[in-house]
Amino acid sequence: MGNANVSNVTIRPEEADFFAGLARDWWNPKGPMASLHQVNPVRLAFVRDAIDAHWPNAARAARPLAGKSALDIGCGAGLLCEPLARLGAAVTGVDAAAENVAAASAHADGMGLDIRYMAGEVGALDIGQFDLVTSVEVIEHVADKPAFLRDVVARLAPDGLLVMSTPNRTAASRVLLVGAAEAVGYVPKGTHHWEDFITPEELEGLLTEVGLTVTAKRGIAWRPGKGLHLSDDMALNYILSARLA
């Protein structure tokens, strides 16, 4: 997330500016965005399972998204876009921060990956529809969640797949994701605002309102000796897939 080019109500300027300020450090696995590098493989495991379930004919393929298009909304510096490109997709990454888009483009070029990055509000960009739409750790930062989800579903092709992740609004997430994680520097101070977190039940209800059906849902949990992993425990964070009803 992040930017100065705010086009409507779903982007908070202060959130945009906060993440824009982190652009140069996004790809440093030991920097302020280290937590994203640690959770990315966990998210990708869920994304791959969701892809295989949605398009079973490609389930055993090394590049199951070959011939398909993918959009990552709130892409930051491209941590999810690059793996999606390696899975074969024609990838577009959209972020509110021009700074993040510049960092993403530079990194993709260095990796030899052809990824289209665009700065702005997804609802204001004329980019068509996509087979796969992802938006991870984004909805908790937008001002108008129903409006944002309407923009998201408008980008989803008729037989498309949506994957989203976000923190849950629980007592545990307030203590651990906001209090402890920021206190020890696991995430930069100001990253999370607990009151903006959304529960799985609330998100599923909002997705239903925009015509989507949730097809799978897992928690992203942590425990000593195992670290971050997919789990039935959704107390801290969760990830889900959905399709048009």
Protein backbone atom coordinates (compact mmCIF):
# COMPACT_ATOMS: atom_id res chain seq x y z
CA MET A 1 0.00 0.00 0.00
CA GLY A 2 0.89 3.66 -0.07
CA ASN A 3 0.88 6.80 -2.43
CA ALA A 4 0.03 10.34 -3.05
CA ASN A 5 -2.32 9.76 -5.99
CA VAL A 6 -5.57 9.22 -4.13
CA SER A 7 -8.50 8.85 -6.50
CA ASN A 8 -11.41 8.00 -4.21
CA VAL A 9 -12.51 7.08 -0.72
CA THR A 10 -10.96 3.64 -0.38
CA ILE A 11 -7.38 4.86 0.12
CA ARG A 12 -6.40 6.72 3.26
CA PRO A 13 -3.64 9.23 2.42
CA GLU A 14 -1.89 8.67 5.76
CA GLU A 15 -1.77 4.89 5.19
CA ALA A 16 -0.50 5.47 1.66
CA ASP A 17 2.27 7.75 2.84
CA PHE A 18 3.30 5.34 5.60
CA PHE A 19 3.90 2.44 3.22
CA ALA A 20 5.47 4.67 0.58
CA GLY A 21 8.12 5.53 3.15
CA LEU A 22 9.09 1.86 3.38
CA ALA A 23 9.52 1.30 -0.37
CA ARG A 24 13.32 1.18 -0.45
CA ASP A 25 13.44 -1.49 2.28
CA TRP A 26 10.68 -3.77 0.97
CA TRP A 27 12.99 -6.37 -0.56
CA ASN A 28 15.40 -6.53 2.39
CA PRO A 29 14.55 -9.82 4.18
CA LYS A 30 16.22 -8.54 7.36
CA GLY A 31 14.80 -5.02 7.18
CA PRO A 32 11.54 -3.51 8.46
CA MET A 33 9.48 -5.69 6.10
CA ALA A 34 11.08 -8.94 7.30
CA SER A 35 7.73 -10.20 8.55
CA LEU A 36 6.36 -10.12 4.99
CA HIS A 37 9.26 -12.23 3.75
CA GLN A 38 8.54 -14.75 6.49
CA VAL A 39 4.81 -14.99 5.81
CA ASN A 40 5.06 -14.97 2.02
CA PRO A 41 5.83 -18.72 1.65
CA VAL A 42 2.83 -19.51 3.87
CA ARG A 43 0.55 -17.37 1.74
CA LEU A 44 1.96 -18.93 -1.41
CA ALA A 45 1.23 -22.43 -0.13
CA PHE A 46 -2.43 -21.45 0.26
CA VAL A 47 -2.47 -19.70 -3.12
CA ARG A 48 -1.07 -22.80 -4.84
CA ASP A 49 -3.67 -25.04 -3.16
CA ALA A 50 -6.42 -22.62 -4.21
CA ILE A 51 -5.15 -22.55 -7.80
CA ASP A 52 -5.02 -26.33 -7.95
CA ALA A 53 -8.56 -26.65 -6.57
CA HIS A 54 -9.95 -23.99 -8.90
CA TRP A 55 -8.21 -25.22 -12.04
CA PRO A 56 -7.70 -28.96 -11.40
CA ASN A 57 -6.46 -29.63 -14.94
CA ALA A 58 -3.34 -27.63 -14.10
CA ALA A 59 -2.88 -29.03 -10.61
CA ARG A 60 0.30 -30.96 -11.38
CA ALA A 61 1.85 -28.37 -13.66
CA ALA A 62 4.99 -26.48 -12.70
CA ARG A 63 3.39 -23.35 -14.19
CA PRO A 64 -0.32 -23.75 -13.41
CA LEU A 65 -1.08 -20.14 -14.31
CA ALA A 66 0.35 -20.37 -17.83
CA GLY A 67 -2.04 -18.60 -20.20
CA LYS A 68 -3.82 -16.87 -17.31
CA SER A 69 -3.76 -13.30 -16.03
CA ALA A 70 -3.23 -12.28 -12.41
CA LEU A 71 -3.74 -9.01 -10.55
CA ASP A 72 -2.25 -8.25 -7.14
CA ILE A 73 -4.00 -5.29 -5.49
CA GLY A 74 -1.89 -3.42 -2.96
CA CYS A 75 1.17 -5.17 -4.31
CA GLY A 76 3.78 -3.20 -2.38
CA ALA A 77 7.14 -3.89 -3.99
CA GLY A 78 5.99 -7.11 -5.65
CA LEU A 79 6.64 -9.88 -3.12
CA LEU A 80 3.62 -11.82 -4.34
CA CYS A 81 3.69 -10.65 -7.97
CA GLU A 82 7.04 -12.26 -8.71
CA PRO A 83 6.07 -15.79 -7.57
CA LEU A 84 2.81 -15.50 -9.53
CA ALA A 85 4.82 -14.61 -12.62
CA ARG A 86 7.04 -17.66 -12.05
CA LEU A 87 3.87 -19.77 -11.90
CA GLY A 88 3.19 -18.64 -15.46
CA ALA A 89 0.75 -15.76 -15.06
CA ALA A 90 0.76 -12.49 -16.95
CA VAL A 91 0.91 -10.35 -13.82
CA THR A 92 -0.26 -6.82 -13.10
CA GLY A 93 0.55 -5.26 -9.75
CA VAL A 94 -1.34 -2.19 -8.53
CA ASP A 95 -0.35 -0.14 -5.52
CA ALA A 96 -1.42 3.22 -4.17
CA ALA A 97 2.22 4.25 -3.81
CA ALA A 98 4.24 5.33 -6.82
CA GLU A 99 7.31 4.71 -4.66
CA ASN A 100 6.38 1.06 -4.15
CA VAL A 101 5.62 0.60 -7.85
CA ALA A 102 9.04 2.00 -8.75
CA ALA A 103 10.74 -0.39 -6.32
CA ALA A 104 8.68 -3.32 -7.64
CA SER A 105 9.50 -2.53 -11.27
CA ALA A 106 13.21 -2.21 -10.57
CA HIS A 107 13.32 -5.53 -8.72
CA ALA A 108 11.35 -7.37 -11.40
CA ASP A 109 13.68 -6.02 -14.08
CA GLY A 110 16.64 -7.27 -12.08
CA MET A 111 15.05 -10.71 -11.89
CA GLY A 112 14.27 -10.76 -15.62
CA LEU A 113 10.51 -10.85 -14.96
CA ASP A 114 7.99 -9.09 -17.21
CA ILE A 115 5.45 -7.68 -14.73
CA ARG A 116 3.22 -4.68 -15.35
CA TYR A 117 3.08 -2.34 -12.37
CA MET A 118 0.70 0.58 -12.02
CA ALA A 119 0.23 3.21 -9.31
CA GLY A 120 -3.22 4.32 -8.23
CA GLU A 121 -6.62 3.24 -6.99
CA VAL A 122 -7.66 -0.04 -8.59
CA GLY A 123 -11.20 1.18 -9.19
CA ALA A 124 -9.93 4.13 -11.21
CA LEU A 125 -7.64 2.14 -13.50
CA ASP A 126 -8.89 0.80 -16.84
CA ILE A 127 -7.18 -2.60 -16.64
CA GLY A 128 -9.94 -5.09 -17.45
CA GLN A 129 -10.53 -8.40 -15.68
CA PHE A 130 -8.23 -11.15 -14.46
CA ASP A 131 -8.33 -14.91 -13.91
CA LEU A 132 -6.68 -14.55 -10.50
CA VAL A 133 -7.00 -11.55 -8.19
CA THR A 134 -5.02 -11.37 -4.96
CA SER A 135 -5.05 -8.77 -2.20
CA VAL A 136 -3.04 -9.67 0.88
CA GLU A 137 -2.88 -7.56 4.05
CA VAL A 138 -4.65 -4.68 2.31
CA ILE A 139 -8.32 -4.46 3.28
CA GLU A 140 -7.47 -3.50 6.87
CA HIS A 141 -5.85 -0.33 5.49
CA VAL A 142 -8.72 0.96 3.32
CA ALA A 143 -11.28 3.51 4.43
CA ASP A 144 -14.37 2.01 2.79
CA LYS A 145 -14.23 -1.79 2.79
CA PRO A 146 -17.50 -2.40 0.86
CA ALA A 147 -16.43 0.06 -1.87
CA PHE A 148 -13.01 -1.56 -2.06
CA LEU A 149 -14.53 -5.02 -2.46
CA ARG A 150 -16.81 -3.78 -5.21
CA ASP A 151 -13.71 -2.59 -7.03
CA VAL A 152 -12.02 -5.94 -6.40
CA VAL A 153 -14.89 -8.05 -7.74
CA ALA A 154 -15.15 -5.81 -10.81
CA ARG A 155 -11.62 -6.95 -11.73
CA LEU A 156 -12.46 -10.65 -11.42
CA ALA A 157 -13.18 -12.63 -14.61
CA PRO A 158 -16.41 -14.71 -14.64
CA ASP A 159 -14.54 -17.94 -13.84
CA GLY A 160 -11.93 -16.16 -11.75
CA LEU A 161 -10.38 -16.88 -8.37
CA LEU A 162 -9.91 -14.37 -5.55
CA VAL A 163 -7.42 -14.79 -2.69
CA MET A 164 -7.32 -12.38 0.27
CA SER A 165 -5.59 -12.34 3.64
CA THR A 166 -5.94 -9.99 6.60
CA PRO A 167 -5.52 -9.92 10.39
CA ASN A 168 -8.46 -10.98 12.52
CA ARG A 169 -9.91 -8.56 15.07
CA THR A 170 -9.43 -10.51 18.29
CA ALA A 171 -7.95 -9.90 21.72
CA ALA A 172 -4.96 -12.02 20.70
CA SER A 173 -4.27 -9.96 17.58
CA ARG A 174 -4.49 -6.75 19.58
CA VAL A 175 -1.87 -7.97 22.04
CA LEU A 176 0.44 -9.78 19.62
CA LEU A 177 0.11 -8.19 16.15
CA VAL A 178 -0.22 -4.60 17.33
CA GLY A 179 1.26 -4.38 20.80
CA ALA A 180 4.06 -6.93 20.97
CA ALA A 181 5.01 -7.05 17.26
CA GLU A 182 5.48 -3.28 17.06
CA ALA A 183 7.15 -3.06 20.48
CA VAL A 184 9.90 -5.51 19.52
CA GLY A 185 10.26 -4.18 15.96
CA TYR A 186 8.82 -7.24 14.20
CA VAL A 187 6.70 -4.80 12.17
CA PRO A 188 7.25 -1.02 11.87
CA LYS A 189 5.39 1.08 14.41
CA GLY A 190 2.11 2.32 12.96
CA THR A 191 1.66 -0.62 10.58
CA HIS A 192 -1.54 -1.86 12.19
CA HIS A 193 -4.65 -0.23 13.61
CA TRP A 194 -6.55 -2.92 15.47
CA GLU A 195 -9.95 -1.28 15.12
CA ASP A 196 -9.65 -1.62 11.33
CA PHE A 197 -9.11 -5.39 11.46
CA ILE A 198 -11.99 -7.47 10.11
CA THR A 199 -13.20 -10.84 11.36
CA PRO A 200 -13.63 -13.82 9.01
CA GLU A 201 -17.39 -13.66 9.51
CA GLU A 202 -17.50 -9.96 8.63
CA LEU A 203 -15.33 -10.39 5.54
CA GLU A 204 -17.32 -13.38 4.33
CA GLY A 205 -20.51 -11.35 4.74
CA LEU A 206 -19.07 -8.48 2.71
CA LEU A 207 -17.89 -10.88 0.01
CA THR A 208 -21.38 -12.38 -0.17
CA GLU A 209 -22.81 -8.90 -0.66
CA VAL A 210 -20.64 -8.37 -3.76
CA GLY A 211 -21.61 -11.75 -5.24
CA LEU A 212 -18.76 -14.00 -4.09
CA THR A 213 -18.73 -17.39 -2.39
CA VAL A 214 -15.84 -18.33 -0.09
CA THR A 215 -14.33 -21.66 -1.18
CA ALA A 216 -11.56 -22.16 1.40
CA LYS A 217 -10.32 -20.45 4.55
CA ARG A 218 -7.27 -21.06 6.77
CA GLY A 219 -5.59 -19.34 9.64
CA ILE A 220 -2.01 -18.13 9.53
CA ALA A 221 -0.65 -19.00 12.95
CA TRP A 222 2.70 -19.05 14.74
CA ARG A 223 4.20 -21.35 17.31
CA PRO A 224 7.71 -21.98 18.63
CA GLY A 225 9.67 -24.49 16.61
CA LYS A 226 7.33 -24.24 13.66
CA GLY A 227 7.08 -20.53 12.99
CA LEU A 228 4.35 -19.21 10.71
CA HIS A 229 2.15 -21.88 9.17
CA LEU A 230 -1.33 -22.57 7.80
CA SER A 231 -3.64 -23.66 10.57
CA ASP A 232 -7.24 -24.00 11.68
CA ASP A 233 -6.44 -21.27 14.23
CA MET A 234 -7.59 -17.93 12.80
CA ALA A 235 -7.07 -15.87 15.96
CA LEU A 236 -4.24 -13.77 14.50
CA ASN A 237 -4.49 -13.80 10.73
CA TYR A 238 -6.35 -15.69 8.02
CA ILE A 239 -6.38 -16.22 4.27
CA LEU A 240 -9.30 -17.22 2.07
CA SER A 241 -10.25 -17.94 -1.51
CA ALA A 242 -13.52 -17.06 -3.22
CA ARG A 243 -15.27 -17.21 -6.58
CA LEU A 244 -18.30 -15.64 -8.12
CA ALA A 245 -21.48 -17.20 -6.79
